[in-house]
Amino acid sequence: MRQSERNKARKRRKKEALLVQEQFDELEQKLSLGFQNRQLLVTAFTHSSYVNEHRNEQQEDNERLEFLGDAVLELGVSHFLYEHEPLMAEGELTKLRAAIVCEASLVQFSNELSFGNYILLGKGEEQTGGRERPALLADVFEAFIGALYLDSGMSEVLRILNEVVFPKIKDGAFSHVMDYKSQLQEIVQQRERGALQYEILEERGPAHAKEFITVVKLGEQTLGSGMGRSKKEAEQEAARQAIGQLQRSFQKKE
């Protein structure tokens, strides 16, 4: 390679490095992060295709951080569920956690944070739509959690999860995998007396987009209400709300 070509290549690499630096400055500012080891953050977003095309940089891909982040994420979610779902049995906790950390959910979290914009990809992967590939986006979220854990500890990981993941759990975003009616029935049988009754209070909207509002009662007491696009969905939401109400009442008694 001639001297002029080497100079051009050197300038190109310098420009790329500056763009990467600016890219992760933006990400840190956006998420209020303060990485002590910036290289961990860069590695979390580095795909193997990028490493293959930049061998002279001795850059590591994110696969090891993904492995670590998977375990850290499971721990954080498990702790949250243990603390916030005291009436939920082990089998149901496992089912709910699996829904929260599955690929589809991780892609949602990653997209919410616009992580696809920051991934370092090889040209081939870029041209074939790798930046939007679900498996890649899920891997990056886990790798990011792993990097954050190594750099700043579990407290900083929980701060991010509190912003991105835990509110969705509280809002019932993963309720579709749960049988809240059965859970509520078990709780009532263990601690209360009487039979549960579900009543439809309102049915509204056109035939192709109906909404149902349902309440669940124990005797004359209304335990919870829910809305859904089907009677079953509305009953499940009412049961979920009722479980939350019972949890709060039990905690007050204790």
C-alpha atoms as a PDB file:
ATOM      1  CA  MET A   1       0.000   0.000   0.000  1.00  0.00           C
ATOM      2  CA  ARG A   2       1.333   3.400  -0.958  1.00  0.00           C
ATOM      3  CA  GLN A   3       1.914   6.109   1.647  1.00  0.00           C
ATOM      4  CA  SER A   4      -1.029   8.189   0.372  1.00  0.00           C
ATOM      5  CA  GLU A   5      -3.384   5.206   0.660  1.00  0.00           C
ATOM      6  CA  ARG A   6      -2.147   4.479   4.162  1.00  0.00           C
ATOM      7  CA  ASN A   7      -2.795   8.078   5.143  1.00  0.00           C
ATOM      8  CA  LYS A   8      -6.318   7.936   3.724  1.00  0.00           C
ATOM      9  CA  ALA A   9      -7.025   4.703   5.584  1.00  0.00           C
ATOM     10  CA  ARG A  10      -5.656   6.226   8.795  1.00  0.00           C
ATOM     11  CA  LYS A  11      -7.853   9.309   8.399  1.00  0.00           C
ATOM     12  CA  ARG A  12     -10.882   7.152   7.672  1.00  0.00           C
ATOM     13  CA  ARG A  13     -10.323   5.082  10.831  1.00  0.00           C
ATOM     14  CA  LYS A  14      -9.834   8.256  12.863  1.00  0.00           C
ATOM     15  CA  LYS A  15     -13.098   9.683  11.535  1.00  0.00           C
ATOM     16  CA  GLU A  16     -14.959   6.431  12.295  1.00  0.00           C
ATOM     17  CA  ALA A  17     -13.565   6.402  15.835  1.00  0.00           C
ATOM     18  CA  LEU A  18     -14.717   9.995  16.371  1.00  0.00           C
ATOM     19  CA  LEU A  19     -18.236   9.140  15.129  1.00  0.00           C
ATOM     20  CA  VAL A  20     -18.395   6.154  17.480  1.00  0.00           C
ATOM     21  CA  GLN A  21     -17.277   8.374  20.357  1.00  0.00           C
ATOM     22  CA  GLU A  22     -19.995  10.936  19.593  1.00  0.00           C
ATOM     23  CA  GLN A  23     -22.566   8.174  19.195  1.00  0.00           C
ATOM     24  CA  PHE A  24     -21.971   6.797  22.676  1.00  0.00           C
ATOM     25  CA  ASP A  25     -21.695  10.269  24.201  1.00  0.00           C
ATOM     26  CA  GLU A  26     -25.245  10.769  22.978  1.00  0.00           C
ATOM     27  CA  LEU A  27     -26.423   7.415  24.395  1.00  0.00           C
ATOM     28  CA  GLU A  28     -24.899   8.071  27.815  1.00  0.00           C
ATOM     29  CA  GLN A  29     -26.477  11.505  27.980  1.00  0.00           C
ATOM     30  CA  LYS A  30     -29.847  10.189  26.847  1.00  0.00           C
ATOM     31  CA  LEU A  31     -29.951   7.500  29.566  1.00  0.00           C
ATOM     32  CA  SER A  32     -28.159   9.582  32.241  1.00  0.00           C
ATOM     33  CA  LEU A  33     -25.311   7.078  32.332  1.00  0.00           C
ATOM     34  CA  GLY A  34     -21.772   7.643  33.521  1.00  0.00           C
ATOM     35  CA  PHE A  35     -19.687   4.674  32.398  1.00  0.00           C
ATOM     36  CA  GLN A  36     -16.305   4.584  34.074  1.00  0.00           C
ATOM     37  CA  ASN A  37     -15.126   2.107  31.450  1.00  0.00           C
ATOM     38  CA  ARG A  38     -16.520   3.391  28.159  1.00  0.00           C
ATOM     39  CA  GLN A  39     -15.132   0.369  26.320  1.00  0.00           C
ATOM     40  CA  LEU A  40     -17.656  -1.870  28.087  1.00  0.00           C
ATOM     41  CA  LEU A  41     -20.492   0.192  26.643  1.00  0.00           C
ATOM     42  CA  VAL A  42     -19.005   0.121  23.141  1.00  0.00           C
ATOM     43  CA  THR A  43     -18.483  -3.639  23.362  1.00  0.00           C
ATOM     44  CA  ALA A  44     -22.118  -4.147  24.374  1.00  0.00           C
ATOM     45  CA  PHE A  45     -23.191  -2.671  21.034  1.00  0.00           C
ATOM     46  CA  THR A  46     -20.531  -4.358  18.893  1.00  0.00           C
ATOM     47  CA  HIS A  47     -21.802  -7.130  16.629  1.00  0.00           C
ATOM     48  CA  SER A  48     -19.468  -9.912  15.499  1.00  0.00           C
ATOM     49  CA  SER A  49     -19.802  -8.719  11.883  1.00  0.00           C
ATOM     50  CA  TYR A  50     -18.203  -5.399  12.856  1.00  0.00           C
ATOM     51  CA  VAL A  51     -15.318  -7.172  14.579  1.00  0.00           C
ATOM     52  CA  ASN A  52     -14.702  -9.296  11.484  1.00  0.00           C
ATOM     53  CA  GLU A  53     -14.355  -6.159   9.359  1.00  0.00           C
ATOM     54  CA  HIS A  54     -12.169  -4.274  11.882  1.00  0.00           C
ATOM     55  CA  ARG A  55      -9.681  -6.888  12.963  1.00  0.00           C
ATOM     56  CA  ASN A  56      -6.883  -4.349  13.289  1.00  0.00           C
ATOM     57  CA  GLU A  57      -8.800  -2.604  16.108  1.00  0.00           C
ATOM     58  CA  GLN A  58      -8.764  -5.697  18.372  1.00  0.00           C
ATOM     59  CA  GLN A  59     -12.398  -5.018  19.239  1.00  0.00           C
ATOM     60  CA  GLU A  60     -14.385  -7.691  21.114  1.00  0.00           C
ATOM     61  CA  ASP A  61     -17.977  -8.511  20.149  1.00  0.00           C
ATOM     62  CA  ASN A  62     -20.878  -8.436  22.619  1.00  0.00           C
ATOM     63  CA  GLU A  63     -21.531 -12.169  22.989  1.00  0.00           C
ATOM     64  CA  ARG A  64     -19.864 -12.597  26.395  1.00  0.00           C
ATOM     65  CA  LEU A  65     -21.640  -9.523  27.767  1.00  0.00           C
ATOM     66  CA  GLU A  66     -24.897 -10.927  26.407  1.00  0.00           C
ATOM     67  CA  PHE A  67     -24.278 -14.125  28.409  1.00  0.00           C
ATOM     68  CA  LEU A  68     -23.742 -12.127  31.594  1.00  0.00           C
ATOM     69  CA  GLY A  69     -26.611  -9.739  30.949  1.00  0.00           C
ATOM     70  CA  ASP A  70     -29.047 -12.609  30.511  1.00  0.00           C
ATOM     71  CA  ALA A  71     -28.334 -13.774  34.078  1.00  0.00           C
ATOM     72  CA  VAL A  72     -28.356 -10.248  35.546  1.00  0.00           C
ATOM     73  CA  LEU A  73     -31.673  -9.441  33.883  1.00  0.00           C
ATOM     74  CA  GLU A  74     -33.255 -12.638  35.190  1.00  0.00           C
ATOM     75  CA  LEU A  75     -32.039 -11.810  38.701  1.00  0.00           C
ATOM     76  CA  GLY A  76     -33.394  -8.272  38.570  1.00  0.00           C
ATOM     77  CA  VAL A  77     -36.791  -9.380  37.257  1.00  0.00           C
ATOM     78  CA  SER A  78     -36.960 -12.293  39.727  1.00  0.00           C
ATOM     79  CA  HIS A  79     -36.267  -9.957  42.656  1.00  0.00           C
ATOM     80  CA  PHE A  80     -38.951  -7.532  41.477  1.00  0.00           C
ATOM     81  CA  LEU A  81     -41.556 -10.280  41.083  1.00  0.00           C
ATOM     82  CA  TYR A  82     -40.680 -11.794  44.464  1.00  0.00           C
ATOM     83  CA  GLU A  83     -41.191  -8.419  46.148  1.00  0.00           C
ATOM     84  CA  HIS A  84     -44.276  -7.293  44.240  1.00  0.00           C
ATOM     85  CA  GLU A  85     -46.195 -10.551  43.782  1.00  0.00           C
ATOM     86  CA  PRO A  86     -46.285 -12.087  47.296  1.00  0.00           C
ATOM     87  CA  LEU A  87     -49.390 -14.128  46.522  1.00  0.00           C
ATOM     88  CA  MET A  88     -48.099 -15.653  43.286  1.00  0.00           C
ATOM     89  CA  ALA A  89     -46.960 -19.305  43.343  1.00  0.00           C
ATOM     90  CA  GLU A  90     -43.520 -20.373  42.102  1.00  0.00           C
ATOM     91  CA  GLY A  91     -44.833 -21.841  38.862  1.00  0.00           C
ATOM     92  CA  GLU A  92     -46.709 -18.658  37.979  1.00  0.00           C
ATOM     93  CA  LEU A  93     -43.688 -16.504  38.861  1.00  0.00           C
ATOM     94  CA  THR A  94     -41.552 -18.584  36.509  1.00  0.00           C
ATOM     95  CA  LYS A  95     -44.113 -18.272  33.708  1.00  0.00           C
ATOM     96  CA  LEU A  96     -44.374 -14.500  34.129  1.00  0.00           C
ATOM     97  CA  ARG A  97     -40.588 -14.043  34.261  1.00  0.00           C
ATOM     98  CA  ALA A  98     -40.206 -16.073  31.072  1.00  0.00           C
ATOM     99  CA  ALA A  99     -42.617 -13.717  29.282  1.00  0.00           C
ATOM    100  CA  ILE A 100     -40.731 -10.658  30.513  1.00  0.00           C
ATOM    101  CA  VAL A 101     -37.271 -11.835  29.394  1.00  0.00           C
ATOM    102  CA  CYS A 102     -38.292 -13.558  26.147  1.00  0.00           C
ATOM    103  CA  GLU A 103     -36.913 -12.303  22.830  1.00  0.00           C
ATOM    104  CA  ALA A 104     -40.055 -10.396  21.845  1.00  0.00           C
ATOM    105  CA  SER A 105     -40.029  -8.446  25.121  1.00  0.00           C
ATOM    106  CA  LEU A 106     -36.308  -7.683  24.884  1.00  0.00           C
ATOM    107  CA  VAL A 107     -36.823  -6.361  21.357  1.00  0.00           C
ATOM    108  CA  GLN A 108     -39.555  -4.072  22.698  1.00  0.00           C
ATOM    109  CA  PHE A 109     -37.249  -2.737  25.437  1.00  0.00           C
ATOM    110  CA  SER A 110     -34.416  -2.272  22.945  1.00  0.00           C
ATOM    111  CA  ASN A 111     -36.639  -0.400  20.492  1.00  0.00           C
ATOM    112  CA  GLU A 112     -38.000   1.831  23.235  1.00  0.00           C
ATOM    113  CA  LEU A 113     -34.421   2.940  23.953  1.00  0.00           C
ATOM    114  CA  SER A 114     -33.601   3.205  20.205  1.00  0.00           C
ATOM    115  CA  PHE A 115     -30.703   0.783  20.678  1.00  0.00           C
ATOM    116  CA  GLY A 116     -30.802  -0.159  16.999  1.00  0.00           C
ATOM    117  CA  ASN A 117     -29.346   3.260  16.168  1.00  0.00           C
ATOM    118  CA  TYR A 118     -26.191   2.577  18.176  1.00  0.00           C
ATOM    119  CA  ILE A 119     -25.224  -0.945  17.097  1.00  0.00           C
ATOM    120  CA  LEU A 120     -21.850  -1.295  15.391  1.00  0.00           C
ATOM    121  CA  LEU A 121     -22.394  -3.558  12.381  1.00  0.00           C
ATOM    122  CA  GLY A 122     -20.348  -4.830   9.480  1.00  0.00           C
ATOM    123  CA  LYS A 123     -21.336  -3.541   6.045  1.00  0.00           C
ATOM    124  CA  GLY A 124     -22.907  -6.835   4.992  1.00  0.00           C
ATOM    125  CA  GLU A 125     -25.027  -7.094   8.128  1.00  0.00           C
ATOM    126  CA  GLU A 126     -26.058  -3.461   7.747  1.00  0.00           C
ATOM    127  CA  GLN A 127     -27.163  -3.952   4.140  1.00  0.00           C
ATOM    128  CA  THR A 128     -29.290  -6.985   5.001  1.00  0.00           C
ATOM    129  CA  GLY A 129     -31.271  -5.162   7.707  1.00  0.00           C
ATOM    130  CA  GLY A 130     -29.344  -6.379  10.738  1.00  0.00           C
ATOM    131  CA  ARG A 131     -30.083  -3.184  12.634  1.00  0.00           C
ATOM    132  CA  GLU A 132     -33.742  -4.200  12.823  1.00  0.00           C
ATOM    133  CA  ARG A 133     -33.262  -7.944  13.286  1.00  0.00           C
ATOM    134  CA  PRO A 134     -35.146  -9.087  16.432  1.00  0.00           C
ATOM    135  CA  ALA A 135     -32.504 -11.542  17.689  1.00  0.00           C
ATOM    136  CA  LEU A 136     -29.788  -8.917  17.321  1.00  0.00           C
ATOM    137  CA  LEU A 137     -31.811  -6.252  19.163  1.00  0.00           C
ATOM    138  CA  ALA A 138     -32.604  -8.687  21.987  1.00  0.00           C
ATOM    139  CA  ASP A 139     -28.926  -9.632  22.296  1.00  0.00           C
ATOM    140  CA  VAL A 140     -27.891  -5.972  22.481  1.00  0.00           C
ATOM    141  CA  PHE A 141     -30.297  -5.269  25.346  1.00  0.00           C
ATOM    142  CA  GLU A 142     -28.878  -8.181  27.341  1.00  0.00           C
ATOM    143  CA  ALA A 143     -25.300  -7.152  26.524  1.00  0.00           C
ATOM    144  CA  PHE A 144     -26.046  -3.596  27.636  1.00  0.00           C
ATOM    145  CA  ILE A 145     -27.389  -4.884  30.974  1.00  0.00           C
ATOM    146  CA  GLY A 146     -24.247  -6.998  31.375  1.00  0.00           C
ATOM    147  CA  ALA A 147     -21.972  -4.023  30.646  1.00  0.00           C
ATOM    148  CA  LEU A 148     -23.891  -1.772  33.022  1.00  0.00           C
ATOM    149  CA  TYR A 149     -23.653  -4.384  35.786  1.00  0.00           C
ATOM    150  CA  LEU A 150     -19.883  -4.751  35.386  1.00  0.00           C
ATOM    151  CA  ASP A 151     -19.301  -1.013  35.277  1.00  0.00           C
ATOM    152  CA  SER A 152     -21.772   0.366  37.811  1.00  0.00           C
ATOM    153  CA  GLY A 153     -23.283  -2.528  39.758  1.00  0.00           C
ATOM    154  CA  MET A 154     -26.783  -3.824  40.321  1.00  0.00           C
ATOM    155  CA  SER A 155     -28.213  -0.538  41.599  1.00  0.00           C
ATOM    156  CA  GLU A 156     -27.670   1.132  38.228  1.00  0.00           C
ATOM    157  CA  VAL A 157     -29.131  -1.875  36.425  1.00  0.00           C
ATOM    158  CA  LEU A 158     -32.243  -1.629  38.591  1.00  0.00           C
ATOM    159  CA  ARG A 159     -32.537   2.078  37.801  1.00  0.00           C
ATOM    160  CA  ILE A 160     -32.769   1.290  34.089  1.00  0.00           C
ATOM    161  CA  LEU A 161     -35.159  -1.612  34.694  1.00  0.00           C
ATOM    162  CA  ASN A 162     -37.304   0.699  36.816  1.00  0.00           C
ATOM    163  CA  GLU A 163     -37.592   3.035  33.852  1.00  0.00           C
ATOM    164  CA  VAL A 164     -38.070   0.516  31.052  1.00  0.00           C
ATOM    165  CA  VAL A 165     -39.222  -2.890  32.323  1.00  0.00           C
ATOM    166  CA  PHE A 166     -40.888  -2.745  35.721  1.00  0.00           C
ATOM    167  CA  PRO A 167     -43.606  -0.184  34.808  1.00  0.00           C
ATOM    168  CA  LYS A 168     -44.795  -2.558  32.078  1.00  0.00           C
ATOM    169  CA  ILE A 169     -45.091  -5.377  34.599  1.00  0.00           C
ATOM    170  CA  LYS A 170     -47.162  -3.145  36.889  1.00  0.00           C
ATOM    171  CA  ASP A 171     -49.385  -2.129  33.971  1.00  0.00           C
ATOM    172  CA  GLY A 172     -50.120  -5.758  33.105  1.00  0.00           C
ATOM    173  CA  ALA A 173     -48.273  -5.796  29.770  1.00  0.00           C
ATOM    174  CA  PHE A 174     -47.485  -9.494  30.253  1.00  0.00           C
ATOM    175  CA  SER A 175     -50.887 -10.530  31.597  1.00  0.00           C
ATOM    176  CA  HIS A 176     -51.645 -12.553  28.479  1.00  0.00           C
ATOM    177  CA  VAL A 177     -49.495 -15.411  29.806  1.00  0.00           C
ATOM    178  CA  MET A 178     -51.128 -15.442  33.226  1.00  0.00           C
ATOM    179  CA  ASP A 179     -54.329 -17.034  34.512  1.00  0.00           C
ATOM    180  CA  TYR A 180     -55.298 -14.414  37.073  1.00  0.00           C
ATOM    181  CA  LYS A 181     -58.778 -15.851  37.558  1.00  0.00           C
ATOM    182  CA  SER A 182     -57.327 -19.126  38.835  1.00  0.00           C
ATOM    183  CA  GLN A 183     -54.852 -17.275  41.059  1.00  0.00           C
ATOM    184  CA  LEU A 184     -57.629 -15.155  42.545  1.00  0.00           C
ATOM    185  CA  GLN A 185     -59.751 -18.263  43.161  1.00  0.00           C
ATOM    186  CA  GLU A 186     -56.876 -19.915  45.065  1.00  0.00           C
ATOM    187  CA  ILE A 187     -56.295 -16.800  47.180  1.00  0.00           C
ATOM    188  CA  VAL A 188     -59.973 -16.518  48.078  1.00  0.00           C
ATOM    189  CA  GLN A 189     -60.184 -20.207  48.978  1.00  0.00           C
ATOM    190  CA  GLN A 190     -57.124 -19.902  51.249  1.00  0.00           C
ATOM    191  CA  ARG A 191     -57.972 -16.662  53.036  1.00  0.00           C
ATOM    192  CA  GLU A 192     -61.615 -15.737  52.500  1.00  0.00           C
ATOM    193  CA  ARG A 193     -65.056 -17.283  52.412  1.00  0.00           C
ATOM    194  CA  GLY A 194     -67.654 -17.011  49.720  1.00  0.00           C
ATOM    195  CA  ALA A 195     -67.873 -17.387  45.965  1.00  0.00           C
ATOM    196  CA  LEU A 196     -66.444 -15.075  43.333  1.00  0.00           C
ATOM    197  CA  GLN A 197     -68.814 -13.577  40.786  1.00  0.00           C
ATOM    198  CA  TYR A 198     -67.940 -11.804  37.531  1.00  0.00           C
ATOM    199  CA  GLU A 199     -70.427  -9.285  36.171  1.00  0.00           C
ATOM    200  CA  ILE A 200     -70.400  -7.362  32.899  1.00  0.00           C
ATOM    201  CA  LEU A 201     -71.153  -3.724  33.695  1.00  0.00           C
ATOM    202  CA  GLU A 202     -70.918  -2.361  30.196  1.00  0.00           C
ATOM    203  CA  GLU A 203     -70.539  -3.497  26.614  1.00  0.00           C
ATOM    204  CA  ARG A 204     -69.679  -0.762  24.134  1.00  0.00           C
ATOM    205  CA  GLY A 205     -68.353  -0.096  20.664  1.00  0.00           C
ATOM    206  CA  PRO A 206     -69.165  -1.533  17.221  1.00  0.00           C
ATOM    207  CA  ALA A 207     -69.343  -5.292  16.685  1.00  0.00           C
ATOM    208  CA  HIS A 208     -65.850  -5.488  15.169  1.00  0.00           C
ATOM    209  CA  ALA A 209     -64.225  -3.543  18.054  1.00  0.00           C
ATOM    210  CA  LYS A 210     -66.252  -4.203  21.177  1.00  0.00           C
ATOM    211  CA  GLU A 211     -65.017  -3.381  24.664  1.00  0.00           C
ATOM    212  CA  PHE A 212     -66.255  -5.032  27.835  1.00  0.00           C
ATOM    213  CA  ILE A 213     -66.093  -3.649  31.370  1.00  0.00           C
ATOM    214  CA  THR A 214     -66.318  -6.307  34.052  1.00  0.00           C
ATOM    215  CA  VAL A 215     -66.196  -6.381  37.860  1.00  0.00           C
ATOM    216  CA  VAL A 216     -65.378  -9.272  40.137  1.00  0.00           C
ATOM    217  CA  LYS A 217     -67.195  -9.495  43.461  1.00  0.00           C
ATOM    218  CA  LEU A 218     -66.841 -11.500  46.634  1.00  0.00           C
ATOM    219  CA  GLY A 219     -70.329 -11.439  48.104  1.00  0.00           C
ATOM    220  CA  GLU A 220     -71.351  -7.779  47.934  1.00  0.00           C
ATOM    221  CA  GLN A 221     -67.770  -6.479  47.901  1.00  0.00           C
ATOM    222  CA  THR A 222     -66.259  -5.412  44.582  1.00  0.00           C
ATOM    223  CA  LEU A 223     -62.638  -6.577  44.483  1.00  0.00           C
ATOM    224  CA  GLY A 224     -61.612  -5.290  41.067  1.00  0.00           C
ATOM    225  CA  SER A 225     -62.707  -4.113  37.660  1.00  0.00           C
ATOM    226  CA  GLY A 226     -61.253  -4.608  34.202  1.00  0.00           C
ATOM    227  CA  MET A 227     -61.704  -3.694  30.580  1.00  0.00           C
ATOM    228  CA  GLY A 228     -60.932  -5.847  27.553  1.00  0.00           C
ATOM    229  CA  ARG A 229     -61.807  -6.587  23.947  1.00  0.00           C
ATOM    230  CA  SER A 230     -63.455  -9.831  25.021  1.00  0.00           C
ATOM    231  CA  LYS A 231     -65.331 -10.974  28.100  1.00  0.00           C
ATOM    232  CA  LYS A 232     -62.453 -13.288  28.977  1.00  0.00           C
ATOM    233  CA  GLU A 233     -59.868 -10.511  28.695  1.00  0.00           C
ATOM    234  CA  ALA A 234     -61.975  -8.173  30.834  1.00  0.00           C
ATOM    235  CA  GLU A 235     -62.433 -10.851  33.502  1.00  0.00           C
ATOM    236  CA  GLN A 236     -58.693 -11.568  33.580  1.00  0.00           C
ATOM    237  CA  GLU A 237     -57.938  -7.858  34.050  1.00  0.00           C
ATOM    238  CA  ALA A 238     -60.570  -7.589  36.796  1.00  0.00           C
ATOM    239  CA  ALA A 239     -58.986 -10.582  38.548  1.00  0.00           C
ATOM    240  CA  ARG A 240     -55.509  -9.000  38.232  1.00  0.00           C
ATOM    241  CA  GLN A 241     -56.771  -5.784  39.807  1.00  0.00           C
ATOM    242  CA  ALA A 242     -58.498  -7.774  42.553  1.00  0.00           C
ATOM    243  CA  ILE A 243     -55.278  -9.621  43.417  1.00  0.00           C
ATOM    244  CA  GLY A 244     -53.497  -6.293  43.791  1.00  0.00           C
ATOM    245  CA  GLN A 245     -56.275  -5.014  46.046  1.00  0.00           C
ATOM    246  CA  LEU A 246     -56.129  -8.127  48.225  1.00  0.00           C
ATOM    247  CA  GLN A 247     -52.338  -7.911  48.464  1.00  0.00           C
ATOM    248  CA  ARG A 248     -52.594  -4.354  49.783  1.00  0.00           C
ATOM    249  CA  SER A 249     -55.297  -5.251  52.282  1.00  0.00           C
ATOM    250  CA  PHE A 250     -53.326  -8.270  53.577  1.00  0.00           C
ATOM    251  CA  GLN A 251     -50.193  -6.137  53.977  1.00  0.00           C
ATOM    252  CA  LYS A 252     -52.127  -3.575  56.049  1.00  0.00           C
ATOM    253  CA  LYS A 253     -53.423  -6.313  58.363  1.00  0.00           C
ATOM    254  CA  GLU A 254     -49.884  -7.636  58.856  1.00  0.00           C
END
